[in-house]
């Protein structure tokens, strides 16, 4: 036979389990985010570790379009390529005076 204090402890344990939030499942939304860009770039440049790609912003916008037409809109792509051992350098094409 169970005594009253054991019963209360049992009930308190069930309550604690029921009110403890479940472990959060973290989903990486960025996984594969740059795959299309990398595939498009691979049509023009070798995608091997240690490669260095030097490209103008205008050329990059044609290959990997962005709504915001500035080099800082490619920070994520630069970081993803860097993690893969590839350096992406975006240059600006300025008129010579």
PDB file of N, CA and C in Angstrom:
ATOM      1  N   UNK A   1       0.840  -1.170   0.000  1.00  0.00           N
ATOM      2  CA  UNK A   1       0.000   0.000   0.000  1.00  0.00           C
ATOM      3  C   UNK A   1       0.891   1.241   0.000  1.00  0.00           C
ATOM      4  N   UNK A   2       0.482   2.265  -0.743  1.00  0.00           N
ATOM      5  CA  UNK A   2       1.240   3.505  -0.881  1.00  0.00           C
ATOM      6  C   UNK A   2       0.779   4.487   0.196  1.00  0.00           C
ATOM      7  N   UNK A   3       1.736   5.175   0.792  1.00  0.00           N
ATOM      8  CA  UNK A   3       1.320   6.144   1.812  1.00  0.00           C
ATOM      9  C   UNK A   3       1.050   7.499   1.166  1.00  0.00           C
ATOM     10  N   UNK A   4       0.461   8.396   1.900  1.00  0.00           N
ATOM     11  CA  UNK A   4       0.002   9.678   1.397  1.00  0.00           C
ATOM     12  C   UNK A   4       1.147  10.540   0.863  1.00  0.00           C
ATOM     13  N   UNK A   5       2.299  10.555   1.538  1.00  0.00           N
ATOM     14  CA  UNK A   5       3.428  11.389   1.094  1.00  0.00           C
ATOM     15  C   UNK A   5       3.984  10.884  -0.237  1.00  0.00           C
ATOM     16  N   UNK A   6       4.016   9.563  -0.444  1.00  0.00           N
ATOM     17  CA  UNK A   6       4.472   9.018  -1.718  1.00  0.00           C
ATOM     18  C   UNK A   6       3.496   9.387  -2.840  1.00  0.00           C
ATOM     19  N   UNK A   7       2.204   9.357  -2.511  1.00  0.00           N
ATOM     20  CA  UNK A   7       1.176   9.710  -3.476  1.00  0.00           C
ATOM     21  C   UNK A   7       1.316  11.176  -3.915  1.00  0.00           C
ATOM     22  N   UNK A   8       1.539  12.070  -2.953  1.00  0.00           N
ATOM     23  CA  UNK A   8       1.710  13.499  -3.254  1.00  0.00           C
ATOM     24  C   UNK A   8       2.960  13.702  -4.105  1.00  0.00           C
ATOM     25  N   UNK A   9       4.051  13.030  -3.787  1.00  0.00           N
ATOM     26  CA  UNK A   9       5.292  13.128  -4.553  1.00  0.00           C
ATOM     27  C   UNK A   9       5.070  12.645  -5.985  1.00  0.00           C
ATOM     28  N   UNK A  10       4.319  11.560  -6.135  1.00  0.00           N
ATOM     29  CA  UNK A  10       4.009  11.014  -7.453  1.00  0.00           C
ATOM     30  C   UNK A  10       3.202  12.022  -8.275  1.00  0.00           C
ATOM     31  N   UNK A  11       2.170  12.597  -7.674  1.00  0.00           N
ATOM     32  CA  UNK A  11       1.317  13.578  -8.354  1.00  0.00           C
ATOM     33  C   UNK A  11       2.127  14.828  -8.712  1.00  0.00           C
ATOM     34  N   UNK A  12       2.982  15.285  -7.808  1.00  0.00           N
ATOM     35  CA  UNK A  12       3.810  16.468  -8.070  1.00  0.00           C
ATOM     36  C   UNK A  12       4.743  16.203  -9.251  1.00  0.00           C
ATOM     37  N   UNK A  13       5.287  15.004  -9.340  1.00  0.00           N
ATOM     38  CA  UNK A  13       6.157  14.634 -10.456  1.00  0.00           C
ATOM     39  C   UNK A  13       5.420  14.655 -11.778  1.00  0.00           C
ATOM     40  N   UNK A  14       4.187  14.150 -11.798  1.00  0.00           N
ATOM     41  CA  UNK A  14       3.376  14.183 -13.016  1.00  0.00           C
ATOM     42  C   UNK A  14       3.064  15.611 -13.431  1.00  0.00           C
ATOM     43  N   UNK A  15       2.759  16.450 -12.442  1.00  0.00           N
ATOM     44  CA  UNK A  15       2.457  17.854 -12.726  1.00  0.00           C
ATOM     45  C   UNK A  15       3.681  18.546 -13.319  1.00  0.00           C
ATOM     46  N   UNK A  16       4.841  18.269 -12.752  1.00  0.00           N
ATOM     47  CA  UNK A  16       6.078  18.892 -13.238  1.00  0.00           C
ATOM     48  C   UNK A  16       6.351  18.485 -14.676  1.00  0.00           C
ATOM     49  N   UNK A  17       6.154  17.220 -15.003  1.00  0.00           N
ATOM     50  CA  UNK A  17       6.368  16.748 -16.373  1.00  0.00           C
ATOM     51  C   UNK A  17       5.390  17.401 -17.345  1.00  0.00           C
ATOM     52  N   UNK A  18       4.163  17.571 -16.897  1.00  0.00           N
ATOM     53  CA  UNK A  18       3.137  18.143 -17.767  1.00  0.00           C
ATOM     54  C   UNK A  18       3.359  19.625 -18.016  1.00  0.00           C
ATOM     55  N   UNK A  19       3.949  20.324 -17.070  1.00  0.00           N
ATOM     56  CA  UNK A  19       4.128  21.774 -17.227  1.00  0.00           C
ATOM     57  C   UNK A  19       5.498  22.164 -17.746  1.00  0.00           C
ATOM     58  N   UNK A  20       6.421  21.225 -17.844  1.00  0.00           N
ATOM     59  CA  UNK A  20       7.751  21.512 -18.379  1.00  0.00           C
ATOM     60  C   UNK A  20       7.656  21.559 -19.894  1.00  0.00           C
ATOM     61  N   UNK A  21       8.119  22.659 -20.516  1.00  0.00           N
ATOM     62  CA  UNK A  21       8.023  22.739 -21.973  1.00  0.00           C
ATOM     63  C   UNK A  21       8.880  21.671 -22.642  1.00  0.00           C
ATOM     64  N   UNK A  22       8.391  21.166 -23.741  1.00  0.00           N
ATOM     65  CA  UNK A  22       9.131  20.154 -24.494  1.00  0.00           C
ATOM     66  C   UNK A  22      10.371  20.803 -25.092  1.00  0.00           C
ATOM     67  N   UNK A  23      11.358  19.992 -25.376  1.00  0.00           N
ATOM     68  CA  UNK A  23      12.589  20.503 -25.981  1.00  0.00           C
ATOM     69  C   UNK A  23      12.259  21.131 -27.329  1.00  0.00           C
ATOM     70  N   UNK A  24      12.867  22.278 -27.594  1.00  0.00           N
ATOM     71  CA  UNK A  24      12.633  22.964 -28.855  1.00  0.00           C
ATOM     72  C   UNK A  24      13.346  22.245 -29.979  1.00  0.00           C
ATOM     73  N   UNK A  25      12.675  22.144 -31.088  1.00  0.00           N
ATOM     74  CA  UNK A  25      13.289  21.593 -32.278  1.00  0.00           C
ATOM     75  C   UNK A  25      13.744  22.779 -33.115  1.00  0.00           C
ATOM     76  N   UNK A  26      15.033  22.847 -33.373  1.00  0.00           N
ATOM     77  CA  UNK A  26      15.595  23.955 -34.130  1.00  0.00           C
ATOM     78  C   UNK A  26      15.770  23.501 -35.572  1.00  0.00           C
ATOM     79  N   UNK A  27      15.144  24.218 -36.468  1.00  0.00           N
ATOM     80  CA  UNK A  27      15.239  23.911 -37.887  1.00  0.00           C
ATOM     81  C   UNK A  27      16.108  24.983 -38.535  1.00  0.00           C
ATOM     82  N   UNK A  28      17.113  24.552 -39.255  1.00  0.00           N
ATOM     83  CA  UNK A  28      18.010  25.483 -39.926  1.00  0.00           C
ATOM     84  C   UNK A  28      17.369  25.947 -41.227  1.00  0.00           C
ATOM     85  N   UNK A  29      16.827  27.159 -41.220  1.00  0.00           N
ATOM     86  CA  UNK A  29      16.161  27.702 -42.398  1.00  0.00           C
ATOM     87  C   UNK A  29      17.162  28.070 -43.493  1.00  0.00           C
ATOM     88  N   UNK A  30      18.422  28.254 -43.128  1.00  0.00           N
ATOM     89  CA  UNK A  30      19.421  28.657 -44.106  1.00  0.00           C
ATOM     90  C   UNK A  30      20.024  27.481 -44.868  1.00  0.00           C
ATOM     91  N   UNK A  31      19.691  26.266 -44.455  1.00  0.00           N
ATOM     92  CA  UNK A  31      20.259  25.108 -45.132  1.00  0.00           C
ATOM     93  C   UNK A  31      19.792  25.109 -46.587  1.00  0.00           C
ATOM     94  N   UNK A  32      20.723  25.143 -47.501  1.00  0.00           N
ATOM     95  CA  UNK A  32      20.398  25.129 -48.911  1.00  0.00           C
ATOM     96  C   UNK A  32      19.976  26.469 -49.474  1.00  0.00           C
ATOM     97  N   UNK A  33      20.045  27.508 -48.679  1.00  0.00           N
ATOM     98  CA  UNK A  33      19.587  28.834 -49.110  1.00  0.00           C
ATOM     99  C   UNK A  33      20.396  29.348 -50.305  1.00  0.00           C
ATOM    100  N   UNK A  34      21.661  29.025 -50.357  1.00  0.00           N
ATOM    101  CA  UNK A  34      22.536  29.550 -51.403  1.00  0.00           C
ATOM    102  C   UNK A  34      22.885  28.506 -52.466  1.00  0.00           C
ATOM    103  N   UNK A  35      22.230  27.356 -52.430  1.00  0.00           N
ATOM    104  CA  UNK A  35      22.539  26.298 -53.394  1.00  0.00           C
ATOM    105  C   UNK A  35      22.325  26.746 -54.835  1.00  0.00           C
ATOM    106  N   UNK A  36      21.238  27.466 -55.098  1.00  0.00           N
ATOM    107  CA  UNK A  36      20.963  27.925 -56.467  1.00  0.00           C
ATOM    108  C   UNK A  36      22.032  28.914 -56.929  1.00  0.00           C
ATOM    109  N   UNK A  37      22.444  29.804 -56.027  1.00  0.00           N
ATOM    110  CA  UNK A  37      23.494  30.770 -56.369  1.00  0.00           C
ATOM    111  C   UNK A  37      24.811  30.057 -56.665  1.00  0.00           C
ATOM    112  N   UNK A  38      25.147  29.087 -55.834  1.00  0.00           N
ATOM    113  CA  UNK A  38      26.404  28.363 -56.005  1.00  0.00           C
ATOM    114  C   UNK A  38      26.373  27.545 -57.292  1.00  0.00           C
ATOM    115  N   UNK A  39      25.235  26.955 -57.583  1.00  0.00           N
ATOM    116  CA  UNK A  39      25.109  26.195 -58.827  1.00  0.00           C
ATOM    117  C   UNK A  39      25.248  27.113 -60.042  1.00  0.00           C
ATOM    118  N   UNK A  40      24.642  28.297 -59.981  1.00  0.00           N
ATOM    119  CA  UNK A  40      24.753  29.258 -61.085  1.00  0.00           C
ATOM    120  C   UNK A  40      26.195  29.718 -61.262  1.00  0.00           C
ATOM    121  N   UNK A  41      26.870  30.004 -60.156  1.00  0.00           N
ATOM    122  CA  UNK A  41      28.280  30.417 -60.234  1.00  0.00           C
ATOM    123  C   UNK A  41      29.164  29.301 -60.776  1.00  0.00           C
ATOM    124  N   UNK A  42      28.823  28.055 -60.466  1.00  0.00           N
ATOM    125  CA  UNK A  42      29.657  26.931 -60.909  1.00  0.00           C
ATOM    126  C   UNK A  42      29.630  26.763 -62.424  1.00  0.00           C
ATOM    127  N   UNK A  43      28.649  27.371 -63.089  1.00  0.00           N
ATOM    128  CA  UNK A  43      28.620  27.342 -64.552  1.00  0.00           C
ATOM    129  C   UNK A  43      29.717  28.219 -65.152  1.00  0.00           C
ATOM    130  N   UNK A  44      30.197  29.179 -64.367  1.00  0.00           N
ATOM    131  CA  UNK A  44      31.194  30.133 -64.849  1.00  0.00           C
ATOM    132  C   UNK A  44      32.562  29.995 -64.178  1.00  0.00           C
ATOM    133  N   UNK A  45      32.565  29.504 -62.946  1.00  0.00           N
ATOM    134  CA  UNK A  45      33.809  29.438 -62.166  1.00  0.00           C
ATOM    135  C   UNK A  45      33.958  28.064 -61.526  1.00  0.00           C
ATOM    136  N   UNK A  46      35.210  27.627 -61.337  1.00  0.00           N
ATOM    137  CA  UNK A  46      35.419  26.340 -60.652  1.00  0.00           C
ATOM    138  C   UNK A  46      35.077  26.461 -59.165  1.00  0.00           C
ATOM    139  N   UNK A  47      34.326  25.520 -58.668  1.00  0.00           N
ATOM    140  CA  UNK A  47      33.908  25.533 -57.258  1.00  0.00           C
ATOM    141  C   UNK A  47      34.694  24.482 -56.488  1.00  0.00           C
ATOM    142  N   UNK A  48      35.981  24.706 -56.380  1.00  0.00           N
ATOM    143  CA  UNK A  48      36.808  23.775 -55.617  1.00  0.00           C
ATOM    144  C   UNK A  48      37.450  24.524 -54.459  1.00  0.00           C
ATOM    145  N   UNK A  49      37.772  23.810 -53.436  1.00  0.00           N
ATOM    146  CA  UNK A  49      38.349  24.427 -52.251  1.00  0.00           C
ATOM    147  C   UNK A  49      39.639  25.143 -52.614  1.00  0.00           C
ATOM    148  N   UNK A  50      39.779  26.362 -52.118  1.00  0.00           N
ATOM    149  CA  UNK A  50      40.957  27.175 -52.399  1.00  0.00           C
ATOM    150  C   UNK A  50      40.770  28.115 -53.585  1.00  0.00           C
ATOM    151  N   UNK A  51      39.649  28.000 -54.287  1.00  0.00           N
ATOM    152  CA  UNK A  51      39.395  28.864 -55.445  1.00  0.00           C
ATOM    153  C   UNK A  51      39.122  30.292 -54.991  1.00  0.00           C
ATOM    154  N   UNK A  52      39.474  31.230 -55.860  1.00  0.00           N
ATOM    155  CA  UNK A  52      39.204  32.644 -55.600  1.00  0.00           C
ATOM    156  C   UNK A  52      38.452  33.195 -56.810  1.00  0.00           C
ATOM    157  N   UNK A  53      37.267  33.712 -56.553  1.00  0.00           N
ATOM    158  CA  UNK A  53      36.438  34.259 -57.620  1.00  0.00           C
ATOM    159  C   UNK A  53      36.425  35.775 -57.470  1.00  0.00           C
ATOM    160  N   UNK A  54      36.913  36.465 -58.492  1.00  0.00           N
ATOM    161  CA  UNK A  54      36.887  37.926 -58.515  1.00  0.00           C
ATOM    162  C   UNK A  54      35.892  38.305 -59.599  1.00  0.00           C
ATOM    163  N   UNK A  55      34.840  39.031 -59.214  1.00  0.00           N
ATOM    164  CA  UNK A  55      33.741  39.325 -60.123  1.00  0.00           C
ATOM    165  C   UNK A  55      33.202  40.718 -59.830  1.00  0.00           C
ATOM    166  N   UNK A  56      32.740  41.397 -60.872  1.00  0.00           N
ATOM    167  CA  UNK A  56      32.141  42.714 -60.647  1.00  0.00           C
ATOM    168  C   UNK A  56      30.713  42.525 -60.131  1.00  0.00           C
ATOM    169  N   UNK A  57      30.225  43.548 -59.494  1.00  0.00           N
ATOM    170  CA  UNK A  57      28.864  43.497 -58.968  1.00  0.00           C
ATOM    171  C   UNK A  57      27.862  43.306 -60.108  1.00  0.00           C
ATOM    172  N   UNK A  58      28.084  43.961 -61.225  1.00  0.00           N
ATOM    173  CA  UNK A  58      27.170  43.853 -62.360  1.00  0.00           C
ATOM    174  C   UNK A  58      27.114  42.413 -62.882  1.00  0.00           C
ATOM    175  N   UNK A  59      28.274  41.772 -62.999  1.00  0.00           N
ATOM    176  CA  UNK A  59      28.308  40.382 -63.461  1.00  0.00           C
ATOM    177  C   UNK A  59      27.608  39.464 -62.470  1.00  0.00           C
ATOM    178  N   UNK A  60      27.858  39.687 -61.189  1.00  0.00           N
ATOM    179  CA  UNK A  60      27.249  38.841 -60.160  1.00  0.00           C
ATOM    180  C   UNK A  60      25.735  39.013 -60.129  1.00  0.00           C
ATOM    181  N   UNK A  61      25.259  40.236 -60.343  1.00  0.00           N
ATOM    182  CA  UNK A  61      23.812  40.469 -60.384  1.00  0.00           C
ATOM    183  C   UNK A  61      23.153  39.736 -61.550  1.00  0.00           C
ATOM    184  N   UNK A  62      23.874  39.557 -62.650  1.00  0.00           N
ATOM    185  CA  UNK A  62      23.338  38.810 -63.788  1.00  0.00           C
ATOM    186  C   UNK A  62      23.270  37.321 -63.480  1.00  0.00           C
ATOM    187  N   UNK A  63      24.275  36.813 -62.779  1.00  0.00           N
ATOM    188  CA  UNK A  63      24.337  35.380 -62.476  1.00  0.00           C
ATOM    189  C   UNK A  63      23.437  35.031 -61.293  1.00  0.00           C
ATOM    190  N   UNK A  64      23.490  35.844 -60.246  1.00  0.00           N
ATOM    191  CA  UNK A  64      22.736  35.615 -59.011  1.00  0.00           C
ATOM    192  C   UNK A  64      21.956  36.888 -58.677  1.00  0.00           C
ATOM    193  N   UNK A  65      20.797  37.089 -59.282  1.00  0.00           N
ATOM    194  CA  UNK A  65      20.049  38.336 -59.086  1.00  0.00           C
ATOM    195  C   UNK A  65      19.611  38.556 -57.633  1.00  0.00           C
ATOM    196  N   UNK A  66      19.550  39.817 -57.250  1.00  0.00           N
ATOM    197  CA  UNK A  66      19.066  40.236 -55.937  1.00  0.00           C
ATOM    198  C   UNK A  66      18.126  41.412 -56.126  1.00  0.00           C
ATOM    199  N   UNK A  67      17.178  41.568 -55.198  1.00  0.00           N
ATOM    200  CA  UNK A  67      16.299  42.739 -55.234  1.00  0.00           C
ATOM    201  C   UNK A  67      17.097  43.994 -54.931  1.00  0.00           C
ATOM    202  N   UNK A  68      17.959  43.879 -53.937  1.00  0.00           N
ATOM    203  CA  UNK A  68      18.813  45.006 -53.554  1.00  0.00           C
ATOM    204  C   UNK A  68      20.109  44.897 -54.334  1.00  0.00           C
ATOM    205  N   UNK A  69      20.356  45.827 -55.190  1.00  0.00           N
ATOM    206  CA  UNK A  69      21.491  45.771 -56.107  1.00  0.00           C
ATOM    207  C   UNK A  69      22.745  46.379 -55.486  1.00  0.00           C
ATOM    208  N   UNK A  70      23.167  45.823 -54.366  1.00  0.00           N
ATOM    209  CA  UNK A  70      24.372  46.290 -53.675  1.00  0.00           C
ATOM    210  C   UNK A  70      25.198  45.083 -53.265  1.00  0.00           C
ATOM    211  N   UNK A  71      26.493  45.289 -53.132  1.00  0.00           N
ATOM    212  CA  UNK A  71      27.374  44.160 -52.819  1.00  0.00           C
ATOM    213  C   UNK A  71      27.086  43.562 -51.438  1.00  0.00           C
ATOM    214  N   UNK A  72      26.558  44.380 -50.508  1.00  0.00           N
ATOM    215  CA  UNK A  72      26.296  43.831 -49.173  1.00  0.00           C
ATOM    216  C   UNK A  72      25.142  42.829 -49.166  1.00  0.00           C
ATOM    217  N   UNK A  73      24.371  42.757 -50.234  1.00  0.00           N
ATOM    218  CA  UNK A  73      23.304  41.763 -50.292  1.00  0.00           C
ATOM    219  C   UNK A  73      23.849  40.361 -50.564  1.00  0.00           C
ATOM    220  N   UNK A  74      25.152  40.259 -50.800  1.00  0.00           N
ATOM    221  CA  UNK A  74      25.802  38.972 -51.036  1.00  0.00           C
ATOM    222  C   UNK A  74      26.624  38.488 -49.841  1.00  0.00           C
ATOM    223  N   UNK A  75      26.473  39.117 -48.685  1.00  0.00           N
ATOM    224  CA  UNK A  75      27.254  38.724 -47.501  1.00  0.00           C
ATOM    225  C   UNK A  75      27.040  37.260 -47.135  1.00  0.00           C
ATOM    226  N   UNK A  76      25.805  36.804 -47.181  1.00  0.00           N
ATOM    227  CA  UNK A  76      25.510  35.413 -46.853  1.00  0.00           C
ATOM    228  C   UNK A  76      26.158  34.440 -47.821  1.00  0.00           C
ATOM    229  N   UNK A  77      26.106  34.769 -49.105  1.00  0.00           N
ATOM    230  CA  UNK A  77      26.737  33.936 -50.128  1.00  0.00           C
ATOM    231  C   UNK A  77      28.250  33.899 -49.931  1.00  0.00           C
ATOM    232  N   UNK A  78      28.833  35.060 -49.638  1.00  0.00           N
ATOM    233  CA  UNK A  78      30.277  35.126 -49.386  1.00  0.00           C
ATOM    234  C   UNK A  78      30.644  34.239 -48.191  1.00  0.00           C
ATOM    235  N   UNK A  79      29.840  34.299 -47.139  1.00  0.00           N
ATOM    236  CA  UNK A  79      30.106  33.481 -45.948  1.00  0.00           C
ATOM    237  C   UNK A  79      29.950  31.993 -46.249  1.00  0.00           C
ATOM    238  N   UNK A  80      28.915  31.635 -47.001  1.00  0.00           N
ATOM    239  CA  UNK A  80      28.693  30.225 -47.349  1.00  0.00           C
ATOM    240  C   UNK A  80      29.837  29.693 -48.202  1.00  0.00           C
ATOM    241  N   UNK A  81      30.262  30.467 -49.183  1.00  0.00           N
ATOM    242  CA  UNK A  81      31.396  30.040 -50.001  1.00  0.00           C
ATOM    243  C   UNK A  81      32.667  29.962 -49.168  1.00  0.00           C
ATOM    244  N   UNK A  82      32.846  30.914 -48.250  1.00  0.00           N
ATOM    245  CA  UNK A  82      34.012  30.889 -47.368  1.00  0.00           C
ATOM    246  C   UNK A  82      34.047  29.630 -46.521  1.00  0.00           C
ATOM    247  N   UNK A  83      32.885  29.190 -46.054  1.00  0.00           N
ATOM    248  CA  UNK A  83      32.818  27.952 -45.270  1.00  0.00           C
ATOM    249  C   UNK A  83      33.197  26.740 -46.119  1.00  0.00           C
ATOM    250  N   UNK A  84      33.024  26.871 -47.421  1.00  0.00           N
ATOM    251  CA  UNK A  84      33.389  25.789 -48.344  1.00  0.00           C
ATOM    252  C   UNK A  84      34.813  25.944 -48.877  1.00  0.00           C
ATOM    253  N   UNK A  85      35.525  26.967 -48.401  1.00  0.00           N
ATOM    254  CA  UNK A  85      36.915  27.169 -48.802  1.00  0.00           C
ATOM    255  C   UNK A  85      37.078  27.930 -50.100  1.00  0.00           C
ATOM    256  N   UNK A  86      36.050  28.671 -50.489  1.00  0.00           N
ATOM    257  CA  UNK A  86      36.085  29.447 -51.731  1.00  0.00           C
ATOM    258  C   UNK A  86      35.962  30.922 -51.376  1.00  0.00           C
ATOM    259  N   UNK A  87      36.836  31.746 -51.957  1.00  0.00           N
ATOM    260  CA  UNK A  87      36.811  33.181 -51.691  1.00  0.00           C
ATOM    261  C   UNK A  87      36.078  33.892 -52.823  1.00  0.00           C
ATOM    262  N   UNK A  88      35.080  34.709 -52.471  1.00  0.00           N
ATOM    263  CA  UNK A  88      34.357  35.505 -53.448  1.00  0.00           C
ATOM    264  C   UNK A  88      34.667  36.970 -53.198  1.00  0.00           C
ATOM    265  N   UNK A  89      35.248  37.625 -54.211  1.00  0.00           N
ATOM    266  CA  UNK A  89      35.599  39.043 -54.119  1.00  0.00           C
ATOM    267  C   UNK A  89      34.751  39.800 -55.135  1.00  0.00           C
ATOM    268  N   UNK A  90      33.967  40.749 -54.653  1.00  0.00           N
ATOM    269  CA  UNK A  90      33.108  41.552 -55.522  1.00  0.00           C
ATOM    270  C   UNK A  90      33.773  42.907 -55.727  1.00  0.00           C
ATOM    271  N   UNK A  91      34.017  43.233 -56.980  1.00  0.00           N
ATOM    272  CA  UNK A  91      34.644  44.514 -57.310  1.00  0.00           C
ATOM    273  C   UNK A  91      33.584  45.422 -57.932  1.00  0.00           C
ATOM    274  N   UNK A  92      33.907  46.702 -57.959  1.00  0.00           N
ATOM    275  CA  UNK A  92      33.000  47.638 -58.632  1.00  0.00           C
ATOM    276  C   UNK A  92      33.657  48.083 -59.920  1.00  0.00           C
ATOM    277  N   UNK A  93      32.856  48.256 -60.919  1.00  0.00           N
ATOM    278  CA  UNK A  93      33.368  48.689 -62.219  1.00  0.00           C
ATOM    279  C   UNK A  93      33.167  50.193 -62.295  1.00  0.00           C
ATOM    280  N   UNK A  94      34.224  50.936 -62.149  1.00  0.00           N
ATOM    281  CA  UNK A  94      34.138  52.396 -62.147  1.00  0.00           C
ATOM    282  C   UNK A  94      34.668  52.940 -63.454  1.00  0.00           C
ATOM    283  N   UNK A  95      34.103  54.048 -63.881  1.00  0.00           N
ATOM    284  CA  UNK A  95      34.561  54.709 -65.092  1.00  0.00           C
ATOM    285  C   UNK A  95      35.895  55.390 -64.846  1.00  0.00           C
ATOM    286  N   UNK A  96      36.793  55.242 -65.792  1.00  0.00           N
ATOM    287  CA  UNK A  96      38.089  55.918 -65.672  1.00  0.00           C
ATOM    288  C   UNK A  96      37.927  57.368 -66.106  1.00  0.00           C
ATOM    289  N   UNK A  97      38.519  58.271 -65.359  1.00  0.00           N
ATOM    290  CA  UNK A  97      38.397  59.684 -65.684  1.00  0.00           C
ATOM    291  C   UNK A  97      39.651  60.196 -66.327  1.00  0.00           C
TER     292      UNK A  97
END
